[in-house]
Amino acid sequence: MRQKTARSLPAPEGNPVTDRLVLASRYQECLRRLSRAVDRLHHADLGEKLMEIAKCMDRMSYDIAVHDAGVEVLRRAARLIGTVEAMVDRKAKASILH
């Protein structure tokens, strides 16, 4: 007996400009959230810088979406977010233990 296999259709390709705008917006929100978290851990200087980056990304979102260099900006923002999230997790765990 033959089994019917579900064929998955490839995901439709969206508009790259729209995709970059959405991603930039999500990164901005993430940077703002991390800024508040870092402020609570008494790293106000880092919190201010993260908020500055979020505001710059907001102002530059059209350029990020339209130009090819925007991909690199998004890539670096993603790395920054990952690094800061790891630091916040470590600091939060350390504060619970002490």
C-alpha atoms as a PDB file:
ATOM      1  CA  MET A   1       0.000   0.000   0.000  1.00  0.00           C
ATOM      2  CA  ARG A   2       1.371   3.388  -0.935  1.00  0.00           C
ATOM      3  CA  GLN A   3       1.391   6.072   1.663  1.00  0.00           C
ATOM      4  CA  LYS A   4       0.381   9.520   0.715  1.00  0.00           C
ATOM      5  CA  THR A   5       3.045  12.005   1.555  1.00  0.00           C
ATOM      6  CA  ALA A   6       2.237  15.588   2.222  1.00  0.00           C
ATOM      7  CA  ARG A   7       3.984  17.784  -0.223  1.00  0.00           C
ATOM      8  CA  SER A   8       5.147  20.987   1.277  1.00  0.00           C
ATOM      9  CA  LEU A   9       5.152  23.925  -1.019  1.00  0.00           C
ATOM     10  CA  PRO A  10       8.120  26.218  -0.856  1.00  0.00           C
ATOM     11  CA  ALA A  11       7.524  29.322   1.169  1.00  0.00           C
ATOM     12  CA  PRO A  12       6.472  32.191  -1.037  1.00  0.00           C
ATOM     13  CA  GLU A  13       9.204  34.710  -1.460  1.00  0.00           C
ATOM     14  CA  GLY A  14       8.240  38.026   0.014  1.00  0.00           C
ATOM     15  CA  ASN A  15       9.390  41.432  -0.918  1.00  0.00           C
ATOM     16  CA  PRO A  16      12.966  41.795   0.430  1.00  0.00           C
ATOM     17  CA  VAL A  17      12.416  45.461   1.261  1.00  0.00           C
ATOM     18  CA  THR A  18       9.342  44.662   3.326  1.00  0.00           C
ATOM     19  CA  ASP A  19      11.106  41.742   4.994  1.00  0.00           C
ATOM     20  CA  ARG A  20      14.022  43.976   5.971  1.00  0.00           C
ATOM     21  CA  LEU A  21      11.671  46.649   7.325  1.00  0.00           C
ATOM     22  CA  VAL A  22       9.908  44.078   9.491  1.00  0.00           C
ATOM     23  CA  LEU A  23      13.199  42.636  10.706  1.00  0.00           C
ATOM     24  CA  ALA A  24      14.603  46.088  11.491  1.00  0.00           C
ATOM     25  CA  SER A  25      11.454  46.889  13.479  1.00  0.00           C
ATOM     26  CA  ARG A  26      11.748  43.649  15.465  1.00  0.00           C
ATOM     27  CA  TYR A  27      15.403  44.338  16.179  1.00  0.00           C
ATOM     28  CA  GLN A  28      14.553  47.848  17.365  1.00  0.00           C
ATOM     29  CA  GLU A  29      12.008  46.495  19.812  1.00  0.00           C
ATOM     30  CA  CYS A  30      14.472  43.865  21.007  1.00  0.00           C
ATOM     31  CA  LEU A  31      17.167  46.496  21.537  1.00  0.00           C
ATOM     32  CA  ARG A  32      14.740  48.641  23.525  1.00  0.00           C
ATOM     33  CA  ARG A  33      13.773  45.660  25.673  1.00  0.00           C
ATOM     34  CA  LEU A  34      17.413  44.805  26.277  1.00  0.00           C
ATOM     35  CA  SER A  35      18.149  48.433  27.118  1.00  0.00           C
ATOM     36  CA  ARG A  36      15.569  48.334  29.898  1.00  0.00           C
ATOM     37  CA  ALA A  37      16.877  44.974  31.145  1.00  0.00           C
ATOM     38  CA  VAL A  38      20.451  46.228  31.224  1.00  0.00           C
ATOM     39  CA  ASP A  39      19.368  49.358  33.115  1.00  0.00           C
ATOM     40  CA  ARG A  40      17.810  47.140  35.780  1.00  0.00           C
ATOM     41  CA  LEU A  41      21.162  45.366  36.115  1.00  0.00           C
ATOM     42  CA  HIS A  42      22.850  48.711  36.815  1.00  0.00           C
ATOM     43  CA  HIS A  43      24.612  49.118  33.468  1.00  0.00           C
ATOM     44  CA  ALA A  44      23.031  52.436  32.542  1.00  0.00           C
ATOM     45  CA  ASP A  45      25.788  53.354  30.069  1.00  0.00           C
ATOM     46  CA  LEU A  46      25.171  50.198  28.026  1.00  0.00           C
ATOM     47  CA  GLY A  47      21.426  50.741  28.257  1.00  0.00           C
ATOM     48  CA  GLU A  48      21.779  54.253  26.845  1.00  0.00           C
ATOM     49  CA  LYS A  49      23.906  53.010  23.953  1.00  0.00           C
ATOM     50  CA  LEU A  50      21.455  50.240  23.109  1.00  0.00           C
ATOM     51  CA  MET A  51      18.610  52.765  23.077  1.00  0.00           C
ATOM     52  CA  GLU A  52      20.696  55.015  20.827  1.00  0.00           C
ATOM     53  CA  ILE A  53      21.244  52.143  18.389  1.00  0.00           C
ATOM     54  CA  ALA A  54      17.507  51.367  18.381  1.00  0.00           C
ATOM     55  CA  LYS A  55      16.694  55.006  17.609  1.00  0.00           C
ATOM     56  CA  CYS A  56      19.316  55.115  14.835  1.00  0.00           C
ATOM     57  CA  MET A  57      17.880  51.969  13.298  1.00  0.00           C
ATOM     58  CA  ASP A  58      14.446  53.577  13.448  1.00  0.00           C
ATOM     59  CA  ARG A  59      15.684  56.678  11.633  1.00  0.00           C
ATOM     60  CA  MET A  60      17.611  54.620   9.083  1.00  0.00           C
ATOM     61  CA  SER A  61      15.032  51.866   8.575  1.00  0.00           C
ATOM     62  CA  TYR A  62      14.243  52.924   5.001  1.00  0.00           C
ATOM     63  CA  ASP A  63      17.939  52.961   4.053  1.00  0.00           C
ATOM     64  CA  ILE A  64      18.477  49.625   5.774  1.00  0.00           C
ATOM     65  CA  ALA A  65      15.595  48.124   3.815  1.00  0.00           C
ATOM     66  CA  VAL A  66      16.492  49.543   0.417  1.00  0.00           C
ATOM     67  CA  HIS A  67      20.286  49.316   0.219  1.00  0.00           C
ATOM     68  CA  ASP A  68      22.358  46.150   0.117  1.00  0.00           C
ATOM     69  CA  ALA A  69      24.476  47.410   3.021  1.00  0.00           C
ATOM     70  CA  GLY A  70      21.334  47.114   5.141  1.00  0.00           C
ATOM     71  CA  VAL A  71      21.828  43.351   5.231  1.00  0.00           C
ATOM     72  CA  GLU A  72      25.155  43.877   6.972  1.00  0.00           C
ATOM     73  CA  VAL A  73      23.585  46.325   9.434  1.00  0.00           C
ATOM     74  CA  LEU A  74      20.904  43.768  10.289  1.00  0.00           C
ATOM     75  CA  ARG A  75      23.505  41.012  10.612  1.00  0.00           C
ATOM     76  CA  ARG A  76      25.557  43.072  13.055  1.00  0.00           C
ATOM     77  CA  ALA A  77      22.475  44.074  15.016  1.00  0.00           C
ATOM     78  CA  ALA A  78      21.575  40.399  15.359  1.00  0.00           C
ATOM     79  CA  ARG A  79      25.037  39.599  16.692  1.00  0.00           C
ATOM     80  CA  LEU A  80      24.819  42.493  19.154  1.00  0.00           C
ATOM     81  CA  ILE A  81      21.417  41.351  20.371  1.00  0.00           C
ATOM     82  CA  GLY A  82      22.672  37.799  20.889  1.00  0.00           C
ATOM     83  CA  THR A  83      25.720  38.985  22.805  1.00  0.00           C
ATOM     84  CA  VAL A  84      23.761  41.317  25.073  1.00  0.00           C
ATOM     85  CA  GLU A  85      21.072  38.697  25.712  1.00  0.00           C
ATOM     86  CA  ALA A  86      23.748  36.236  26.828  1.00  0.00           C
ATOM     87  CA  MET A  87      25.279  38.855  29.133  1.00  0.00           C
ATOM     88  CA  VAL A  88      21.896  39.760  30.624  1.00  0.00           C
ATOM     89  CA  ASP A  89      21.142  36.080  31.265  1.00  0.00           C
ATOM     90  CA  ARG A  90      24.494  35.549  32.992  1.00  0.00           C
ATOM     91  CA  LYS A  91      24.085  38.666  35.146  1.00  0.00           C
ATOM     92  CA  ALA A  92      20.504  37.769  36.052  1.00  0.00           C
ATOM     93  CA  LYS A  93      21.511  34.249  37.081  1.00  0.00           C
ATOM     94  CA  ALA A  94      24.450  35.568  39.087  1.00  0.00           C
ATOM     95  CA  SER A  95      22.238  38.069  40.932  1.00  0.00           C
ATOM     96  CA  ILE A  96      19.806  35.293  41.884  1.00  0.00           C
ATOM     97  CA  LEU A  97      22.628  33.170  43.300  1.00  0.00           C
ATOM     98  CA  HIS A  98      24.019  35.973  45.462  1.00  0.00           C
END
